[in-house]
Amino acid sequence: MAESDNPLALDNQICFALYAANRAMTARYRPLLVELNLTYPQYLVMLVLWEGEGAGDVIRVSDLGHRLRLDSGTLTPLLKRLADRGLIERRRSEQDERVVTVLLTDHGRALRNQAKSVPERLMCGLGVDENRLKALRQELRDVLKSLETLAPSD
């Protein structure tokens, strides 16, 4: 059987291609995020918060977790470290103490200006056409939507 016909060949696995691409992309982000003193997961949290600027800057932790597809056990330590650095504040709702919200501090808002160049710098020298990347991003969103729609046993 030719390797290209082998359903168990590593290079034939879409999951491995996504996994390897994710690791390579995260590694490419690392030196850029060191300048911001952020880890990649922290950067993702900040992106969501910066997106909401002007809308009161407040988001429920549960909504943040849903948006990032992170459970509270993963998200809580991330938020604690960002709060310790003075980038965000975590607050319990006065109406329902089970509800925790997150908002940017002035320092967190200011970091946004430093971060503006990250996407462009990341893509610089990559040598991939911008339209091709946009199409890939949409394709990945479509795949993600399909995966999330399927029942776990499918």
N, C-alpha and C. Protein backbone atom coordinates (compact mmCIF):
# COMPACT_ATOMS: atom_id res chain seq x y z
N MET A 1 0.85 -1.18 0.00
CA MET A 1 0.00 0.00 0.00
C MET A 1 0.90 1.24 0.00
N ALA A 2 0.62 2.15 -0.89
CA ALA A 2 1.38 3.40 -0.95
C ALA A 2 1.08 4.22 0.29
N GLU A 3 2.09 4.96 0.76
CA GLU A 3 1.92 5.78 1.98
C GLU A 3 0.74 6.74 1.85
N SER A 4 0.53 7.28 0.63
CA SER A 4 -0.58 8.22 0.42
C SER A 4 -1.94 7.54 0.55
N ASP A 5 -1.97 6.19 0.44
CA ASP A 5 -3.22 5.44 0.58
C ASP A 5 -3.43 4.91 2.00
N ASN A 6 -2.41 5.02 2.82
CA ASN A 6 -2.47 4.48 4.18
C ASN A 6 -3.27 5.42 5.08
N PRO A 7 -4.46 4.98 5.53
CA PRO A 7 -5.27 5.87 6.36
C PRO A 7 -4.65 6.16 7.74
N LEU A 8 -3.66 5.35 8.13
CA LEU A 8 -3.03 5.58 9.43
C LEU A 8 -1.67 6.26 9.33
N ALA A 9 -1.27 6.67 8.15
CA ALA A 9 -0.01 7.40 8.00
C ALA A 9 -0.15 8.77 8.66
N LEU A 10 0.82 9.14 9.45
CA LEU A 10 0.78 10.42 10.17
C LEU A 10 0.53 11.59 9.23
N ASP A 11 1.22 11.62 8.10
CA ASP A 11 1.08 12.73 7.17
C ASP A 11 -0.28 12.77 6.47
N ASN A 12 -1.09 11.76 6.63
CA ASN A 12 -2.44 11.75 6.07
C ASN A 12 -3.49 12.22 7.08
N GLN A 13 -3.08 12.57 8.27
CA GLN A 13 -4.01 12.95 9.33
C GLN A 13 -4.22 14.47 9.35
N ILE A 14 -5.44 14.90 9.15
CA ILE A 14 -5.75 16.33 9.24
C ILE A 14 -5.49 16.84 10.65
N CYS A 15 -5.75 16.00 11.65
CA CYS A 15 -5.52 16.41 13.03
C CYS A 15 -4.05 16.74 13.27
N PHE A 16 -3.15 15.95 12.67
CA PHE A 16 -1.74 16.22 12.86
C PHE A 16 -1.31 17.50 12.14
N ALA A 17 -1.84 17.71 10.94
CA ALA A 17 -1.52 18.94 10.20
C ALA A 17 -1.96 20.17 11.00
N LEU A 18 -3.15 20.10 11.60
CA LEU A 18 -3.64 21.22 12.42
C LEU A 18 -2.80 21.38 13.68
N TYR A 19 -2.47 20.28 14.31
CA TYR A 19 -1.66 20.30 15.53
C TYR A 19 -0.28 20.91 15.26
N ALA A 20 0.38 20.44 14.20
CA ALA A 20 1.72 20.92 13.88
C ALA A 20 1.69 22.39 13.47
N ALA A 21 0.67 22.78 12.70
CA ALA A 21 0.54 24.19 12.30
C ALA A 21 0.29 25.07 13.51
N ASN A 22 -0.53 24.59 14.45
CA ASN A 22 -0.81 25.35 15.67
C ASN A 22 0.47 25.55 16.48
N ARG A 23 1.26 24.50 16.63
CA ARG A 23 2.51 24.62 17.39
C ARG A 23 3.48 25.58 16.71
N ALA A 24 3.57 25.49 15.39
CA ALA A 24 4.47 26.37 14.65
C ALA A 24 4.02 27.83 14.74
N MET A 25 2.71 28.06 14.66
CA MET A 25 2.18 29.42 14.75
C MET A 25 2.42 29.99 16.15
N THR A 26 2.16 29.19 17.17
CA THR A 26 2.40 29.64 18.54
C THR A 26 3.87 29.97 18.76
N ALA A 27 4.76 29.16 18.21
CA ALA A 27 6.20 29.43 18.33
C ALA A 27 6.57 30.73 17.62
N ARG A 28 5.92 31.02 16.52
CA ARG A 28 6.19 32.27 15.79
C ARG A 28 5.70 33.48 16.59
N TYR A 29 4.63 33.32 17.34
CA TYR A 29 4.12 34.41 18.19
C TYR A 29 5.03 34.69 19.38
N ARG A 30 5.66 33.64 19.90
CA ARG A 30 6.38 33.74 21.18
C ARG A 30 7.31 34.94 21.29
N PRO A 31 8.24 35.18 20.35
CA PRO A 31 9.14 36.33 20.53
C PRO A 31 8.42 37.68 20.48
N LEU A 32 7.32 37.75 19.76
CA LEU A 32 6.56 38.99 19.69
C LEU A 32 5.83 39.25 21.00
N LEU A 33 5.34 38.18 21.61
CA LEU A 33 4.59 38.32 22.86
C LEU A 33 5.49 38.52 24.06
N VAL A 34 6.75 38.07 23.98
CA VAL A 34 7.71 38.32 25.04
C VAL A 34 7.85 39.83 25.26
N GLU A 35 7.82 40.58 24.16
CA GLU A 35 7.91 42.04 24.24
C GLU A 35 6.74 42.64 25.03
N LEU A 36 5.60 41.95 25.00
CA LEU A 36 4.41 42.41 25.72
C LEU A 36 4.30 41.77 27.11
N ASN A 37 5.23 40.85 27.38
CA ASN A 37 5.20 40.08 28.62
C ASN A 37 3.89 39.29 28.75
N LEU A 38 3.48 38.69 27.63
CA LEU A 38 2.27 37.87 27.61
C LEU A 38 2.58 36.50 27.04
N THR A 39 1.90 35.50 27.57
CA THR A 39 1.93 34.19 26.95
C THR A 39 0.87 34.20 25.83
N TYR A 40 0.93 33.19 24.98
CA TYR A 40 -0.06 33.13 23.90
C TYR A 40 -1.50 33.06 24.44
N PRO A 41 -1.80 32.20 25.42
CA PRO A 41 -3.17 32.18 25.95
C PRO A 41 -3.58 33.53 26.58
N GLN A 42 -2.64 34.19 27.26
CA GLN A 42 -2.95 35.51 27.82
C GLN A 42 -3.25 36.52 26.71
N TYR A 43 -2.49 36.43 25.63
CA TYR A 43 -2.71 37.29 24.47
C TYR A 43 -4.12 37.09 23.92
N LEU A 44 -4.56 35.84 23.84
CA LEU A 44 -5.91 35.57 23.34
C LEU A 44 -6.97 36.20 24.24
N VAL A 45 -6.77 36.11 25.55
CA VAL A 45 -7.70 36.75 26.49
C VAL A 45 -7.73 38.25 26.24
N MET A 46 -6.56 38.85 26.12
CA MET A 46 -6.48 40.29 25.91
C MET A 46 -7.12 40.68 24.58
N LEU A 47 -6.97 39.86 23.53
CA LEU A 47 -7.62 40.17 22.26
C LEU A 47 -9.13 40.28 22.41
N VAL A 48 -9.72 39.34 23.14
CA VAL A 48 -11.17 39.39 23.35
C VAL A 48 -11.55 40.66 24.12
N LEU A 49 -10.77 40.99 25.13
CA LEU A 49 -11.08 42.19 25.92
C LEU A 49 -10.88 43.46 25.10
N TRP A 50 -9.83 43.52 24.30
CA TRP A 50 -9.61 44.69 23.45
C TRP A 50 -10.70 44.83 22.40
N GLU A 51 -11.23 43.71 21.92
CA GLU A 51 -12.34 43.72 20.96
C GLU A 51 -13.55 44.42 21.55
N GLY A 52 -13.77 44.22 22.84
CA GLY A 52 -14.95 44.77 23.51
C GLY A 52 -14.79 46.19 23.99
N GLU A 53 -13.63 46.78 23.77
CA GLU A 53 -13.43 48.15 24.22
C GLU A 53 -14.49 49.06 23.63
N GLY A 54 -14.96 49.96 24.46
CA GLY A 54 -16.00 50.87 24.02
C GLY A 54 -17.39 50.33 24.36
N ALA A 55 -17.46 49.06 24.67
CA ALA A 55 -18.74 48.44 25.04
C ALA A 55 -18.79 48.24 26.54
N GLY A 56 -18.10 49.11 27.27
CA GLY A 56 -18.08 49.01 28.72
C GLY A 56 -16.91 48.19 29.23
N ASP A 57 -16.17 47.55 28.32
CA ASP A 57 -14.97 46.80 28.70
C ASP A 57 -15.23 45.63 29.64
N VAL A 58 -16.47 45.29 29.90
CA VAL A 58 -16.78 44.24 30.87
C VAL A 58 -17.29 43.01 30.14
N ILE A 59 -16.79 41.85 30.56
CA ILE A 59 -17.27 40.58 30.01
C ILE A 59 -17.35 39.57 31.14
N ARG A 60 -18.36 38.75 31.09
CA ARG A 60 -18.48 37.68 32.08
C ARG A 60 -17.41 36.64 31.81
N VAL A 61 -16.86 36.08 32.86
CA VAL A 61 -15.83 35.04 32.71
C VAL A 61 -16.39 33.86 31.91
N SER A 62 -17.64 33.52 32.15
CA SER A 62 -18.24 32.40 31.41
C SER A 62 -18.31 32.70 29.92
N ASP A 63 -18.62 33.94 29.55
CA ASP A 63 -18.67 34.32 28.14
C ASP A 63 -17.27 34.33 27.52
N LEU A 64 -16.30 34.77 28.29
CA LEU A 64 -14.91 34.77 27.84
C LEU A 64 -14.45 33.33 27.58
N GLY A 65 -14.76 32.44 28.51
CA GLY A 65 -14.41 31.03 28.35
C GLY A 65 -15.07 30.42 27.13
N HIS A 66 -16.34 30.76 26.91
CA HIS A 66 -17.05 30.25 25.74
C HIS A 66 -16.40 30.76 24.46
N ARG A 67 -16.08 32.02 24.44
CA ARG A 67 -15.47 32.62 23.24
C ARG A 67 -14.11 31.99 22.92
N LEU A 68 -13.32 31.74 23.96
CA LEU A 68 -11.98 31.17 23.78
C LEU A 68 -11.97 29.64 23.78
N ARG A 69 -13.15 29.06 24.07
CA ARG A 69 -13.27 27.61 24.15
C ARG A 69 -12.35 27.03 25.22
N LEU A 70 -12.35 27.71 26.38
CA LEU A 70 -11.55 27.30 27.52
C LEU A 70 -12.46 27.03 28.71
N ASP A 71 -12.15 26.00 29.49
CA ASP A 71 -12.93 25.75 30.70
C ASP A 71 -12.42 26.65 31.82
N SER A 72 -13.18 26.73 32.89
CA SER A 72 -12.82 27.64 33.98
C SER A 72 -11.53 27.24 34.66
N GLY A 73 -11.22 25.94 34.68
CA GLY A 73 -9.97 25.48 35.29
C GLY A 73 -8.73 25.98 34.55
N THR A 74 -8.87 26.22 33.26
CA THR A 74 -7.77 26.76 32.46
C THR A 74 -7.80 28.28 32.48
N LEU A 75 -8.99 28.85 32.40
CA LEU A 75 -9.14 30.30 32.30
C LEU A 75 -8.83 31.03 33.60
N THR A 76 -9.24 30.47 34.73
CA THR A 76 -9.06 31.15 36.01
C THR A 76 -7.61 31.50 36.32
N PRO A 77 -6.65 30.57 36.17
CA PRO A 77 -5.25 30.94 36.43
C PRO A 77 -4.72 32.00 35.45
N LEU A 78 -5.18 31.95 34.20
CA LEU A 78 -4.79 32.97 33.22
C LEU A 78 -5.25 34.34 33.69
N LEU A 79 -6.50 34.42 34.11
CA LEU A 79 -7.05 35.69 34.56
C LEU A 79 -6.38 36.18 35.83
N LYS A 80 -6.05 35.25 36.71
CA LYS A 80 -5.36 35.64 37.95
C LYS A 80 -4.01 36.27 37.63
N ARG A 81 -3.27 35.68 36.72
CA ARG A 81 -1.95 36.24 36.36
C ARG A 81 -2.09 37.61 35.68
N LEU A 82 -3.10 37.75 34.83
CA LEU A 82 -3.32 39.05 34.20
C LEU A 82 -3.74 40.11 35.22
N ALA A 83 -4.53 39.70 36.21
CA ALA A 83 -4.93 40.63 37.28
C ALA A 83 -3.73 41.00 38.15
N ASP A 84 -2.89 40.01 38.45
CA ASP A 84 -1.69 40.27 39.25
C ASP A 84 -0.76 41.27 38.56
N ARG A 85 -0.77 41.27 37.25
CA ARG A 85 0.06 42.21 36.47
C ARG A 85 -0.61 43.56 36.30
N GLY A 86 -1.86 43.68 36.76
CA GLY A 86 -2.55 44.96 36.67
C GLY A 86 -3.17 45.24 35.31
N LEU A 87 -3.35 44.20 34.49
CA LEU A 87 -3.93 44.39 33.15
C LEU A 87 -5.45 44.30 33.15
N ILE A 88 -5.98 43.54 34.10
CA ILE A 88 -7.43 43.36 34.21
C ILE A 88 -7.85 43.43 35.67
N GLU A 89 -9.14 43.60 35.87
CA GLU A 89 -9.74 43.45 37.19
C GLU A 89 -10.83 42.38 37.08
N ARG A 90 -10.91 41.56 38.11
CA ARG A 90 -11.99 40.58 38.20
C ARG A 90 -12.93 41.05 39.29
N ARG A 91 -14.23 41.00 39.00
CA ARG A 91 -15.22 41.45 39.99
C ARG A 91 -16.37 40.46 40.06
N ARG A 92 -16.85 40.25 41.27
CA ARG A 92 -18.05 39.43 41.46
C ARG A 92 -19.27 40.33 41.32
N SER A 93 -20.30 39.80 40.71
CA SER A 93 -21.54 40.55 40.53
C SER A 93 -22.19 40.77 41.89
N GLU A 94 -22.71 41.95 42.09
CA GLU A 94 -23.43 42.24 43.33
C GLU A 94 -24.78 41.54 43.35
N GLN A 95 -25.35 41.30 42.17
CA GLN A 95 -26.65 40.63 42.07
C GLN A 95 -26.53 39.12 42.25
N ASP A 96 -25.43 38.55 41.76
CA ASP A 96 -25.24 37.10 41.83
C ASP A 96 -23.75 36.83 42.00
N GLU A 97 -23.35 36.46 43.20
CA GLU A 97 -21.92 36.32 43.49
C GLU A 97 -21.25 35.18 42.72
N ARG A 98 -22.05 34.32 42.09
CA ARG A 98 -21.47 33.26 41.26
C ARG A 98 -20.94 33.81 39.94
N VAL A 99 -21.42 34.99 39.56
CA VAL A 99 -21.03 35.60 38.29
C VAL A 99 -19.80 36.48 38.50
N VAL A 100 -18.76 36.18 37.75
CA VAL A 100 -17.53 36.98 37.82
C VAL A 100 -17.36 37.68 36.48
N THR A 101 -17.05 38.96 36.53
CA THR A 101 -16.79 39.72 35.31
C THR A 101 -15.34 40.14 35.28
N VAL A 102 -14.88 40.46 34.08
CA VAL A 102 -13.51 40.90 33.86
C VAL A 102 -13.57 42.21 33.10
N LEU A 103 -12.72 43.14 33.49
CA LEU A 103 -12.62 44.39 32.75
C LEU A 103 -11.16 44.81 32.65
N LEU A 104 -10.87 45.54 31.60
CA LEU A 104 -9.52 46.05 31.39
C LEU A 104 -9.23 47.19 32.37
N THR A 105 -7.99 47.26 32.80
CA THR A 105 -7.52 48.41 33.56
C THR A 105 -6.94 49.40 32.56
N ASP A 106 -6.55 50.56 33.03
CA ASP A 106 -5.88 51.53 32.15
C ASP A 106 -4.61 50.92 31.56
N HIS A 107 -3.90 50.17 32.38
CA HIS A 107 -2.67 49.52 31.92
C HIS A 107 -2.98 48.48 30.82
N GLY A 108 -4.06 47.75 31.00
CA GLY A 108 -4.48 46.77 29.99
C GLY A 108 -4.89 47.43 28.69
N ARG A 109 -5.58 48.58 28.79
CA ARG A 109 -5.96 49.32 27.59
C ARG A 109 -4.72 49.86 26.87
N ALA A 110 -3.76 50.34 27.63
CA ALA A 110 -2.54 50.90 27.05
C ALA A 110 -1.72 49.82 26.32
N LEU A 111 -1.75 48.61 26.82
CA LEU A 111 -1.00 47.53 26.20
C LEU A 111 -1.51 47.25 24.78
N ARG A 112 -2.77 47.56 24.54
CA ARG A 112 -3.36 47.36 23.21
C ARG A 112 -2.55 48.11 22.15
N ASN A 113 -2.13 49.32 22.45
CA ASN A 113 -1.35 50.09 21.47
C ASN A 113 -0.04 49.39 21.12
N GLN A 114 0.61 48.80 22.10
CA GLN A 114 1.84 48.06 21.84
C GLN A 114 1.56 46.81 21.00
N ALA A 115 0.41 46.21 21.21
CA ALA A 115 0.08 44.94 20.56
C ALA A 115 -0.40 45.11 19.12
N LYS A 116 -0.75 46.33 18.73
CA LYS A 116 -1.31 46.55 17.38
C LYS A 116 -0.42 46.03 16.26
N SER A 117 0.88 46.05 16.46
CA SER A 117 1.79 45.64 15.38
C SER A 117 2.01 44.12 15.34
N VAL A 118 1.55 43.39 16.33
CA VAL A 118 1.81 41.95 16.40
C VAL A 118 1.30 41.19 15.17
N PRO A 119 0.04 41.35 14.76
CA PRO A 119 -0.43 40.56 13.60
C PRO A 119 0.40 40.82 12.33
N GLU A 120 0.69 42.07 12.05
CA GLU A 120 1.46 42.40 10.85
C GLU A 120 2.89 41.84 10.94
N ARG A 121 3.50 42.01 12.10
CA ARG A 121 4.86 41.49 12.28
C ARG A 121 4.89 39.97 12.19
N LEU A 122 3.84 39.33 12.66
CA LEU A 122 3.77 37.88 12.60
C LEU A 122 3.76 37.40 11.15
N MET A 123 3.00 38.09 10.30
CA MET A 123 2.84 37.66 8.92
C MET A 123 4.01 38.08 8.04
N CYS A 124 4.78 39.06 8.49
CA CYS A 124 5.92 39.56 7.71
C CYS A 124 6.91 38.42 7.45
N GLY A 125 7.22 38.22 6.22
CA GLY A 125 8.19 37.20 5.86
C GLY A 125 7.62 35.80 5.77
N LEU A 126 6.34 35.65 6.03
CA LEU A 126 5.73 34.32 5.96
C LEU A 126 5.62 33.83 4.52
N GLY A 127 5.45 34.77 3.59
CA GLY A 127 5.42 34.41 2.18
C GLY A 127 4.15 33.74 1.73
N VAL A 128 3.05 33.99 2.44
CA VAL A 128 1.76 33.40 2.04
C VAL A 128 0.83 34.56 1.67
N ASP A 129 0.18 34.43 0.53
CA ASP A 129 -0.74 35.45 0.04
C ASP A 129 -1.85 35.73 1.05
N GLU A 130 -2.13 37.02 1.26
CA GLU A 130 -3.14 37.43 2.25
C GLU A 130 -4.52 36.84 1.94
N ASN A 131 -4.90 36.81 0.67
CA ASN A 131 -6.20 36.24 0.31
C ASN A 131 -6.26 34.74 0.60
N ARG A 132 -5.14 34.07 0.40
CA ARG A 132 -5.07 32.64 0.70
C ARG A 132 -5.24 32.41 2.20
N LEU A 133 -4.61 33.27 3.00
CA LEU A 133 -4.75 33.16 4.46
C LEU A 133 -6.18 33.43 4.91
N LYS A 134 -6.83 34.41 4.30
CA LYS A 134 -8.22 34.70 4.64
C LYS A 134 -9.12 33.51 4.31
N ALA A 135 -8.87 32.90 3.15
CA ALA A 135 -9.66 31.72 2.76
C ALA A 135 -9.40 30.56 3.72
N LEU A 136 -8.14 30.38 4.11
CA LEU A 136 -7.81 29.32 5.07
C LEU A 136 -8.49 29.56 6.40
N ARG A 137 -8.46 30.80 6.88
CA ARG A 137 -9.12 31.13 8.15
C ARG A 137 -10.60 30.79 8.09
N GLN A 138 -11.26 31.15 6.98
CA GLN A 138 -12.69 30.84 6.85
C GLN A 138 -12.92 29.34 6.79
N GLU A 139 -12.07 28.63 6.08
CA GLU A 139 -12.18 27.17 5.99
C GLU A 139 -12.04 26.53 7.38
N LEU A 140 -11.09 27.02 8.15
CA LEU A 140 -10.88 26.50 9.51
C LEU A 140 -12.08 26.82 10.40
N ARG A 141 -12.66 28.00 10.24
CA ARG A 141 -13.88 28.33 11.00
C ARG A 141 -15.01 27.39 10.64
N ASP A 142 -15.14 27.08 9.35
CA ASP A 142 -16.19 26.15 8.91
C ASP A 142 -15.97 24.76 9.49
N VAL A 143 -14.72 24.30 9.49
CA VAL A 143 -14.40 22.99 10.06
C VAL A 143 -14.70 22.99 11.55
N LEU A 144 -14.30 24.05 12.25
CA LEU A 144 -14.57 24.16 13.69
C LEU A 144 -16.07 24.11 13.96
N LYS A 145 -16.83 24.85 13.18
CA LYS A 145 -18.28 24.85 13.37
C LYS A 145 -18.86 23.45 13.19
N SER A 146 -18.37 22.76 12.18
CA SER A 146 -18.85 21.38 11.93
C SER A 146 -18.47 20.47 13.09
N LEU A 147 -17.25 20.59 13.57
CA LEU A 147 -16.78 19.76 14.68
C LEU A 147 -17.59 20.03 15.94
N GLU A 148 -17.87 21.29 16.20
CA GLU A 148 -18.63 21.64 17.42
C GLU A 148 -20.09 21.26 17.31
N THR A 149 -20.58 21.12 16.10
CA THR A 149 -21.98 20.75 15.89
C THR A 149 -22.20 19.26 16.08
N LEU A 150 -21.16 18.47 15.74
CA LEU A 150 -21.27 17.02 15.86
C LEU A 150 -21.37 16.60 17.31
N ALA A 151 -22.15 15.58 17.54
CA ALA A 151 -22.20 14.99 18.88
C ALA A 151 -20.86 14.30 19.14
N PRO A 152 -20.39 14.28 20.40
CA PRO A 152 -19.09 13.66 20.70
C PRO A 152 -18.95 12.22 20.25
N SER A 153 -20.03 11.48 20.13
CA SER A 153 -19.96 10.06 19.76
C SER A 153 -19.94 9.85 18.25
N ASP A 154 -20.12 10.94 17.46
CA ASP A 154 -20.14 10.78 15.99
C ASP A 154 -18.80 10.42 15.44
